[in-house]
């Protein structure tokens, strides 16, 4: 009897355990199916930031400078002037004075060069005249050699005549008188004196003439070298380089819009800031709009930009998507931008029949970043994890009217809802082609 009772208890326990296992298995199967279904059909949400497609451009300068003035046409929410001049720094006046001084220095150098050329030409002409005189003296000395030989011969003949007359006078005093002897002796002395004078001065005169020729030729060479150097305008070239450096330095004192190159400022001295547009006028304006000004004339420049500009013709939304959700996104996937700041047809609504969220601005993914980083946007959900990592996803705006509406909401942080999709349909090639770097690293998801 006891054995049969124990056998019945064991059977009942076995059936109870089997029933419990079946119940647990069914529950887990339903739970897994529900979880898989939710994962495959859920929407992905992320925080985003509205900005121009070309980004927000900060106009800054070297810290320590002072903002002298802003162009009167540079006002918030207005496009910049077409010439791109936004304002001037205090160093502009000093740079302008230095540039004017260099220009005057160049004019003075050109006048001085003209004077030096005239002096060099005169020196060359004088040297050429001296050379002609020295060469003429050398030719005269060549003729003097013949004269020396004649004087030497004349002195020798006078001496021979004197000797002959003295011999005759000794033999016959009446044949040669004392007067004749004195006369012949005087002629001999004169001839000898003329010879000695010409002979003694010949060497020094020839040496002086040769040196005069050498000096004249050297002066001509120096004058030619001076004229050559003056023709090459070395001083003017050096001043021109200083002027170019001063111009480039002066251009740094001019605040320019990104659509204008500093090289386009041909006459930097004529730069001025003046109002030449009516308020709200779009004529003769550049593509960039003044988003915000941080400094006013007279304030010193620090690390803070002077102003921020943006090209509002095309807006985008940069969404910070949670790293675990990126694998479920692909290029051209639709996305909707929601924000309480949007109104009209883009305002958020709840469909009373389907109880689904409607409204928002439509867009699509054009770029998926390949860098995972920390979020740059603060989540509005106090329960959101603070250490999450995100990927930047760039979303283009599909509606042109919506693009215009967002151009007045730069910096808006909306919620981005990505379209529902089957995660299994996302191929590896889609993810690979969309892995491109972007600019900012945050996301949140709501199931």
Protein backbone atom coordinates (compact mmCIF):
# COMPACT_ATOMS: atom_id res chain seq x y z
CA UNK A 1 0.00 0.00 0.00
CA UNK A 2 2.80 2.40 0.90
CA UNK A 3 4.73 1.45 -2.22
CA UNK A 4 1.74 2.27 -4.43
CA UNK A 5 1.31 5.63 -2.64
CA UNK A 6 4.95 6.58 -3.15
CA UNK A 7 4.69 5.65 -6.81
CA UNK A 8 1.69 7.93 -7.26
CA UNK A 9 3.53 10.82 -5.58
CA UNK A 10 6.54 10.44 -7.86
CA UNK A 11 4.29 10.45 -10.89
CA UNK A 12 2.45 13.56 -9.75
CA UNK A 13 5.80 15.35 -9.08
CA UNK A 14 7.09 14.42 -12.53
CA UNK A 15 3.92 15.73 -14.21
CA UNK A 16 4.12 18.97 -12.18
CA UNK A 17 7.77 19.58 -13.20
CA UNK A 18 6.96 18.83 -16.84
CA UNK A 19 4.05 21.29 -16.80
CA UNK A 20 6.26 24.00 -15.29
CA UNK A 21 8.91 23.47 -17.97
CA UNK A 22 6.32 23.74 -20.72
CA UNK A 23 4.92 26.98 -19.27
CA UNK A 24 8.42 28.53 -18.93
CA UNK A 25 9.38 27.49 -22.47
CA UNK A 26 6.24 29.01 -23.98
CA UNK A 27 6.82 32.26 -22.08
CA UNK A 28 10.43 32.54 -23.17
CA UNK A 29 9.49 31.79 -26.78
CA UNK A 30 6.85 34.52 -26.77
CA UNK A 31 9.28 36.93 -25.07
CA UNK A 32 12.03 36.23 -27.63
CA UNK A 33 9.61 36.62 -30.52
CA UNK A 34 8.33 39.89 -29.08
CA UNK A 35 11.89 41.17 -28.50
CA UNK A 36 13.00 40.20 -32.01
CA UNK A 37 9.91 41.80 -33.54
CA UNK A 38 10.44 45.00 -31.57
CA UNK A 39 14.13 45.14 -32.53
CA UNK A 40 13.37 44.70 -36.20
CA UNK A 41 10.55 47.25 -36.35
CA UNK A 42 11.60 49.91 -33.84
CA UNK A 43 12.45 53.52 -34.76
CA UNK A 44 15.78 55.15 -33.97
CA UNK A 45 15.83 58.57 -32.33
CA UNK A 46 18.77 60.92 -31.89
CA UNK A 47 19.53 64.50 -30.94
CA UNK A 48 20.65 66.79 -33.77
CA UNK A 49 21.85 70.28 -34.53
CA UNK A 50 20.73 72.54 -37.38
CA UNK A 51 23.54 74.34 -39.19
CA UNK A 52 24.49 75.53 -42.70
CA UNK A 53 25.70 72.82 -45.05
CA UNK A 54 29.07 74.58 -45.31
CA UNK A 55 29.28 74.95 -41.53
CA UNK A 56 29.43 77.96 -39.23
CA UNK A 57 32.46 80.14 -40.02
CA UNK A 58 34.06 82.12 -37.21
CA UNK A 59 35.75 85.37 -38.21
CA UNK A 60 38.61 86.09 -35.84
CA UNK A 61 41.94 87.90 -35.59
CA UNK A 62 45.15 87.83 -33.59
CA UNK A 63 44.41 88.14 -29.85
CA UNK A 64 45.52 91.49 -28.47
CA UNK A 65 44.33 93.44 -31.50
CA UNK A 66 41.48 95.89 -31.11
CA UNK A 67 38.43 96.09 -33.33
CA UNK A 68 38.43 99.61 -34.78
CA UNK A 69 35.13 99.49 -36.66
CA UNK A 70 32.62 97.24 -38.37
CA UNK A 71 31.21 97.93 -41.79
CA UNK A 72 27.78 99.59 -41.34
CA UNK A 73 26.32 96.99 -43.70
CA UNK A 74 27.38 94.16 -41.36
CA UNK A 75 24.25 93.50 -39.32
CA UNK A 76 22.86 90.31 -37.81
CA UNK A 77 20.58 88.30 -40.12
CA UNK A 78 21.78 90.31 -43.13
CA UNK A 79 24.05 89.11 -45.90
CA UNK A 80 27.54 90.54 -45.99
CA UNK A 81 28.53 93.15 -48.63
CA UNK A 82 29.64 91.78 -51.98
CA UNK A 83 33.11 93.31 -51.59
CA UNK A 84 33.56 91.12 -48.51
CA UNK A 85 34.83 93.90 -46.22
CA UNK A 86 33.44 93.29 -42.74
CA UNK A 87 35.48 95.74 -40.69
CA UNK A 88 38.92 97.08 -39.80
CA UNK A 89 41.33 96.46 -36.92
CA UNK A 90 43.13 99.22 -35.04
CA UNK A 91 46.44 98.22 -36.65
CA UNK A 92 45.05 99.32 -40.04
CA UNK A 93 45.91 103.00 -39.53
CA UNK A 94 49.49 102.23 -38.48
CA UNK A 95 49.95 99.81 -41.37
CA UNK A 96 48.50 102.36 -43.77
CA UNK A 97 50.95 105.02 -42.55
CA UNK A 98 53.88 102.60 -42.93
CA UNK A 99 52.78 101.70 -46.44
CA UNK A 100 52.47 105.37 -47.43
CA UNK A 101 55.94 106.00 -46.02
CA UNK A 102 57.38 103.18 -48.12
CA UNK A 103 55.67 104.52 -51.24
CA UNK A 104 57.22 107.95 -50.61
CA UNK A 105 60.55 106.24 -49.98
CA UNK A 106 60.23 104.56 -53.35
CA UNK A 107 59.51 107.90 -55.08
CA UNK A 108 62.53 109.44 -53.37
CA UNK A 109 64.68 106.47 -54.40
CA UNK A 110 63.59 106.89 -58.03
CA UNK A 111 64.51 110.59 -57.97
CA UNK A 112 67.81 109.78 -56.27
CA UNK A 113 68.49 107.15 -58.91
CA UNK A 114 67.90 109.69 -61.68
CA UNK A 115 70.38 112.05 -59.99
CA UNK A 116 72.94 109.26 -59.53
CA UNK A 117 72.62 108.32 -63.20
CA UNK A 118 73.34 111.92 -64.19
CA UNK A 119 76.37 112.01 -61.86
CA UNK A 120 77.65 108.69 -63.20
CA UNK A 121 77.29 109.88 -66.79
CA UNK A 122 79.20 113.08 -65.95
CA UNK A 123 81.93 111.11 -64.17
CA UNK A 124 82.22 108.80 -67.14
CA UNK A 125 82.53 111.74 -69.52
CA UNK A 126 85.17 113.34 -67.30
CA UNK A 127 87.08 110.05 -67.10
CA UNK A 128 86.95 109.71 -70.87
CA UNK A 129 88.33 113.24 -71.25
CA UNK A 130 91.14 112.48 -68.78
CA UNK A 131 91.93 109.31 -70.69
CA UNK A 132 92.14 111.24 -73.94
CA UNK A 133 94.49 113.78 -72.34
CA UNK A 134 96.72 111.06 -70.89
CA UNK A 135 96.94 109.23 -74.18
CA UNK A 136 97.76 112.50 -75.95
CA UNK A 137 100.54 113.05 -73.42
CA UNK A 138 101.94 109.61 -74.16
CA UNK A 139 101.93 110.39 -77.86
CA UNK A 140 103.70 113.67 -77.08
CA UNK A 141 106.34 111.75 -75.12
CA UNK A 142 106.89 109.46 -78.05
CA UNK A 143 107.70 112.55 -80.15
CA UNK A 144 109.90 113.88 -77.33
CA UNK A 145 112.19 110.87 -77.72
CA UNK A 146 113.16 112.13 -81.19
CA UNK A 147 113.68 115.59 -79.72
CA UNK A 148 115.96 114.13 -77.04
CA UNK A 149 118.07 112.49 -79.67
CA UNK A 150 118.24 115.79 -81.60
CA UNK A 151 119.22 117.71 -78.46
CA UNK A 152 121.87 115.15 -77.64
CA UNK A 153 123.30 115.40 -81.15
CA UNK A 154 123.19 119.22 -81.01
CA UNK A 155 125.06 119.26 -77.70
CA UNK A 156 127.69 116.89 -79.04
CA UNK A 157 128.14 119.02 -82.18
CA UNK A 158 128.40 122.17 -80.07
CA UNK A 159 131.00 120.53 -77.91
CA UNK A 160 133.02 119.39 -80.98
CA UNK A 161 132.85 122.87 -82.46
CA UNK A 162 134.04 124.34 -79.19
CA UNK A 163 136.99 121.93 -79.06
CA UNK A 164 137.90 122.74 -82.66
CA UNK A 165 137.70 126.48 -82.07
CA UNK A 166 139.81 126.20 -78.93
CA UNK A 167 142.45 124.29 -80.91
CA UNK A 168 142.47 126.92 -83.67
CA UNK A 169 142.61 129.72 -81.09
CA UNK A 170 145.61 128.12 -79.49
CA UNK A 171 147.42 127.92 -82.87
CA UNK A 172 146.40 131.36 -84.08
CA UNK A 173 144.69 133.74 -81.63
CA UNK A 174 143.91 136.12 -84.43
CA UNK A 175 142.07 133.44 -86.41
CA UNK A 176 139.59 132.66 -83.61
CA UNK A 177 138.76 135.49 -81.29
CA UNK A 178 137.77 135.23 -77.65
CA UNK A 179 134.29 136.37 -78.56
CA UNK A 180 133.82 133.45 -80.92
CA UNK A 181 134.99 131.05 -78.21
CA UNK A 182 132.55 132.47 -75.64
CA UNK A 183 129.72 132.33 -78.14
CA UNK A 184 130.42 128.73 -79.03
CA UNK A 185 130.76 127.78 -75.37
CA UNK A 186 127.38 129.38 -74.66
CA UNK A 187 125.77 127.49 -77.50
CA UNK A 188 127.23 124.26 -76.14
CA UNK A 189 126.02 124.98 -72.60
CA UNK A 190 122.55 125.80 -73.90
CA UNK A 191 122.39 122.61 -75.93
CA UNK A 192 123.54 120.52 -72.96
CA UNK A 193 121.05 122.22 -70.63
CA UNK A 194 118.18 121.64 -73.04
CA UNK A 195 119.14 117.99 -73.34
CA UNK A 196 119.49 117.41 -69.61
CA UNK A 197 116.19 119.15 -68.86
CA UNK A 198 114.29 117.13 -71.47
CA UNK A 199 116.01 113.89 -70.50
CA UNK A 200 115.46 114.31 -66.76
CA UNK A 201 111.70 115.10 -67.09
CA UNK A 202 111.01 112.40 -69.68
CA UNK A 203 110.79 109.39 -67.31
CA UNK A 204 108.62 111.10 -64.69
CA UNK A 205 106.35 112.60 -67.33
CA UNK A 206 105.93 109.22 -69.05
CA UNK A 207 105.21 107.46 -65.73
CA UNK A 208 102.63 110.12 -64.83
CA UNK A 209 100.96 109.82 -68.22
CA UNK A 210 100.74 106.03 -67.97
CA UNK A 211 99.22 106.28 -64.49
CA UNK A 212 96.77 108.89 -65.77
CA UNK A 213 95.68 106.46 -68.50
CA UNK A 214 95.21 103.66 -65.95
CA UNK A 215 93.25 105.92 -63.58
CA UNK A 216 91.04 107.23 -66.37
CA UNK A 217 90.26 103.71 -67.57
CA UNK A 218 89.44 102.68 -63.96
CA UNK A 219 87.12 105.67 -63.56
CA UNK A 220 85.35 104.75 -66.78
CA UNK A 221 84.87 101.15 -65.50
CA UNK A 222 83.49 102.41 -62.18
CA UNK A 223 81.12 104.77 -63.98
CA UNK A 224 79.93 101.92 -66.26
CA UNK A 225 79.40 99.64 -63.24
CA UNK A 226 77.44 102.36 -61.45
CA UNK A 227 75.25 102.90 -64.50
CA UNK A 228 74.67 99.14 -64.79
CA UNK A 229 73.67 98.87 -61.13
CA UNK A 230 71.42 101.89 -61.42
CA UNK A 231 69.76 100.36 -64.48
CA UNK A 232 69.00 97.17 -62.49
CA UNK A 233 67.20 99.25 -59.81
CA UNK A 234 68.38 97.21 -56.81
CA UNK A 235 67.19 99.80 -54.29
CA UNK A 236 63.77 100.13 -55.90
CA UNK A 237 63.39 96.34 -55.99
CA UNK A 238 64.17 96.10 -52.26
CA UNK A 239 61.65 98.85 -51.51
CA UNK A 240 59.06 97.13 -53.71
CA UNK A 241 59.48 93.96 -51.65
CA UNK A 242 59.00 95.98 -48.47
CA UNK A 243 55.87 97.50 -49.99
CA UNK A 244 54.46 94.06 -50.86
CA UNK A 245 55.12 92.85 -47.31
CA UNK A 246 53.48 95.99 -45.92
CA UNK A 247 50.44 95.44 -48.18
CA UNK A 248 50.04 91.83 -47.02
CA UNK A 249 50.40 92.96 -43.41
CA UNK A 250 47.82 95.68 -43.98
CA UNK A 251 45.40 93.14 -45.49
CA UNK A 252 45.51 91.26 -42.18
CA UNK A 253 44.01 94.33 -40.56
CA UNK A 254 40.95 94.04 -42.84
CA UNK A 255 38.21 91.59 -41.82
CA UNK A 256 37.08 89.76 -44.95
CA UNK A 257 34.21 87.41 -45.71
CA UNK A 258 35.29 83.89 -46.79
CA UNK A 259 33.94 84.43 -50.30
CA UNK A 260 36.58 87.13 -50.93
CA UNK A 261 40.28 86.38 -51.25
CA UNK A 262 42.81 88.86 -49.79
CA UNK A 263 44.47 88.88 -53.22
CA UNK A 264 41.37 90.62 -54.59
CA UNK A 265 42.24 93.75 -52.58
CA UNK A 266 44.28 95.37 -55.33
CA UNK A 267 44.37 98.83 -53.74
CA UNK A 268 44.41 98.15 -50.04
CA UNK A 269 45.00 101.84 -49.28
CA UNK A 270 41.56 102.68 -50.64
CA UNK A 271 39.77 100.25 -48.32
CA UNK A 272 37.11 101.93 -46.26
CA UNK A 273 33.99 100.94 -44.38
CA UNK A 274 30.86 102.83 -45.28
CA UNK A 275 27.16 102.09 -45.54
CA UNK A 276 26.11 101.69 -49.16
CA UNK A 277 23.08 99.39 -48.78
CA UNK A 278 19.62 99.90 -47.49
CA UNK A 279 18.57 97.80 -44.53
CA UNK A 280 17.21 94.48 -45.78
CA UNK A 281 18.51 95.03 -49.32
CA UNK A 282 19.77 91.89 -51.06
CA UNK A 283 21.45 93.67 -53.97
CA UNK A 284 25.22 93.49 -54.25
CA UNK A 285 25.47 91.13 -51.31
CA UNK A 286 27.68 88.13 -50.65
CA UNK A 287 26.47 84.56 -50.04
CA UNK A 288 27.19 84.56 -46.30
CA UNK A 289 24.84 85.84 -43.62
CA UNK A 290 25.92 87.37 -40.31
CA UNK A 291 24.66 84.97 -37.65
CA UNK A 292 26.01 86.69 -34.57
CA UNK A 293 28.49 89.40 -33.57
CA UNK A 294 30.47 88.96 -30.35
CA UNK A 295 32.57 92.14 -30.30
CA UNK A 296 31.84 95.80 -30.84
CA UNK A 297 34.22 98.52 -32.08
CA UNK A 298 36.76 99.45 -29.43
CA UNK A 299 36.86 96.03 -27.76
CA UNK A 300 40.03 93.94 -27.61
CA UNK A 301 40.12 90.66 -29.47
CA UNK A 302 40.49 87.50 -27.40
CA UNK A 303 39.90 83.84 -28.17
CA UNK A 304 36.25 84.67 -28.82
CA UNK A 305 35.48 85.17 -32.53
CA UNK A 306 34.51 88.62 -33.72
CA UNK A 307 31.48 87.28 -35.54
CA UNK A 308 30.04 84.10 -37.04
CA UNK A 309 28.89 83.71 -40.63
CA UNK A 310 26.96 81.02 -42.48
CA UNK A 311 25.73 80.29 -45.98
CA UNK A 312 22.03 79.75 -45.29
CA UNK A 313 21.11 78.73 -48.83
CA UNK A 314 21.40 75.05 -47.84
CA UNK A 315 20.82 73.76 -44.32
CA UNK A 316 21.55 70.34 -42.85
CA UNK A 317 21.00 68.53 -39.58
CA UNK A 318 23.88 66.78 -37.85
CA UNK A 319 22.43 63.94 -35.74
CA UNK A 320 24.42 62.25 -32.99
CA UNK A 321 23.38 58.60 -33.25
CA UNK A 322 24.12 56.04 -30.55
CA UNK A 323 26.92 53.75 -31.72
CA UNK A 324 24.77 50.62 -31.36
CA UNK A 325 22.18 52.07 -33.76
CA UNK A 326 24.53 53.06 -36.58
CA UNK A 327 24.52 49.56 -38.04
CA UNK A 328 20.79 49.98 -38.72
CA UNK A 329 21.24 53.15 -40.80
CA UNK A 330 22.12 53.53 -44.46
CA UNK A 331 22.55 56.26 -47.06
CA UNK A 332 19.29 57.81 -48.40
CA UNK A 333 17.34 56.40 -45.47
CA UNK A 334 14.49 58.81 -44.62
CA UNK A 335 14.56 60.86 -41.45
CA UNK A 336 12.18 63.34 -39.85
CA UNK A 337 13.22 66.37 -37.81
CA UNK A 338 10.95 67.26 -34.88
CA UNK A 339 11.12 70.31 -32.63
CA UNK A 340 8.67 72.44 -30.62
CA UNK A 341 10.25 75.45 -32.37
CA UNK A 342 8.71 74.41 -35.69
CA UNK A 343 5.32 75.74 -36.62
CA UNK A 344 2.76 75.49 -39.37
CA UNK A 345 2.87 72.34 -41.44
CA UNK A 346 6.12 71.32 -39.74
CA UNK A 347 4.70 71.43 -36.18
CA UNK A 348 4.41 68.12 -34.31
CA UNK A 349 0.92 66.57 -34.18
CA UNK A 350 -0.65 63.36 -32.89
CA UNK A 351 -2.97 61.57 -35.33
CA UNK A 352 -6.19 60.94 -33.31
CA UNK A 353 -7.01 57.80 -35.28
CA UNK A 354 -3.65 56.03 -35.33
CA UNK A 355 -2.24 57.83 -32.28
CA UNK A 356 0.99 58.26 -34.24
CA UNK A 357 3.26 61.29 -34.33
CA UNK A 358 3.04 63.40 -37.51
CA UNK A 359 4.51 66.65 -38.77
CA UNK A 360 8.21 67.53 -38.72
CA UNK A 361 10.61 68.28 -41.57
CA UNK A 362 11.45 65.42 -43.94
CA UNK A 363 15.05 64.64 -44.92
CA UNK A 364 17.36 61.78 -45.77
CA UNK A 365 20.78 60.54 -44.74
CA UNK A 366 23.60 61.74 -46.99
CA UNK A 367 26.60 60.83 -44.84
CA UNK A 368 27.37 58.51 -41.93
CA UNK A 369 30.50 59.30 -39.99
CA UNK A 370 33.20 56.75 -39.41
CA UNK A 371 34.48 58.14 -36.08
CA UNK A 372 32.93 57.25 -32.73
CA UNK A 373 33.24 59.92 -30.06
CA UNK A 374 31.66 61.56 -27.08
CA UNK A 375 28.38 63.44 -27.56
CA UNK A 376 28.48 67.17 -28.05
CA UNK A 377 24.77 67.70 -27.36
CA UNK A 378 23.18 67.44 -23.94
CA UNK A 379 20.39 64.91 -23.72
CA UNK A 380 17.08 66.17 -22.35
CA UNK A 381 16.43 62.76 -20.79
CA UNK A 382 17.77 62.84 -17.20
CA UNK A 383 17.94 59.02 -17.20
CA UNK A 384 20.11 58.85 -20.36
CA UNK A 385 23.61 57.43 -19.75
CA UNK A 386 26.31 60.09 -19.66
CA UNK A 387 29.11 57.87 -20.99
CA UNK A 388 27.48 56.83 -24.27
CA UNK A 389 29.42 57.11 -27.56
CA UNK A 390 27.89 58.47 -30.75
CA UNK A 391 28.48 58.82 -34.48
CA UNK A 392 27.68 61.93 -36.53
CA UNK A 393 25.06 61.39 -39.23
CA UNK A 394 24.47 64.14 -41.80
CA UNK A 395 20.88 64.66 -42.92
CA UNK A 396 19.90 66.73 -45.95
CA UNK A 397 16.64 68.69 -46.00
CA UNK A 398 14.25 67.54 -48.73
CA UNK A 399 11.75 70.41 -48.63
CA UNK A 400 13.08 73.78 -49.99
CA UNK A 401 10.51 75.68 -47.94
CA UNK A 402 11.62 73.84 -44.83
CA UNK A 403 15.23 74.73 -45.68
CA UNK A 404 14.22 78.40 -45.66
CA UNK A 405 12.44 77.97 -42.33
CA UNK A 406 15.50 76.33 -40.78
CA UNK A 407 17.76 79.13 -42.02
CA UNK A 408 16.34 81.23 -39.17
CA UNK A 409 16.93 78.49 -36.61
CA UNK A 410 20.69 77.95 -36.81
CA UNK A 411 21.85 76.02 -33.75
CA UNK A 412 18.44 74.47 -33.09
CA UNK A 413 18.73 71.08 -31.35
CA UNK A 414 15.80 69.01 -32.63
CA UNK A 415 14.96 65.35 -32.23
CA UNK A 416 15.63 63.25 -35.32
CA UNK A 417 13.47 60.21 -36.01
CA UNK A 418 14.86 57.76 -38.55
CA UNK A 419 12.40 55.77 -40.64
CA UNK A 420 11.43 52.23 -39.65
CA UNK A 421 13.26 49.47 -41.48
CA UNK A 422 14.09 45.80 -41.24
CA UNK A 423 17.58 45.64 -39.80
CA UNK A 424 18.25 42.44 -41.75
CA UNK A 425 17.90 44.35 -45.01
CA UNK A 426 20.87 46.58 -44.25
CA UNK A 427 23.78 45.08 -46.17
CA UNK A 428 27.45 45.35 -45.36
CA UNK A 429 28.04 47.32 -48.55
CA UNK A 430 25.54 49.98 -47.48
CA UNK A 431 27.32 50.47 -44.19
CA UNK A 432 30.74 50.51 -45.81
CA UNK A 433 29.78 53.13 -48.40
CA UNK A 434 28.31 55.36 -45.73
CA UNK A 435 31.28 55.28 -43.34
CA UNK A 436 32.70 58.78 -43.84
CA UNK A 437 34.08 61.16 -41.26
CA UNK A 438 32.06 64.15 -40.07
CA UNK A 439 32.47 66.94 -37.59
CA UNK A 440 30.86 66.51 -34.18
CA UNK A 441 30.33 63.74 -31.82
CA UNK A 442 25.31 61.72 -28.71
CA UNK A 443 22.16 60.10 -29.21
CA UNK A 444 19.24 58.69 -27.46
CA UNK A 445 16.70 56.09 -28.48
CA UNK A 446 13.08 55.68 -27.57
CA UNK A 447 11.42 52.34 -28.22
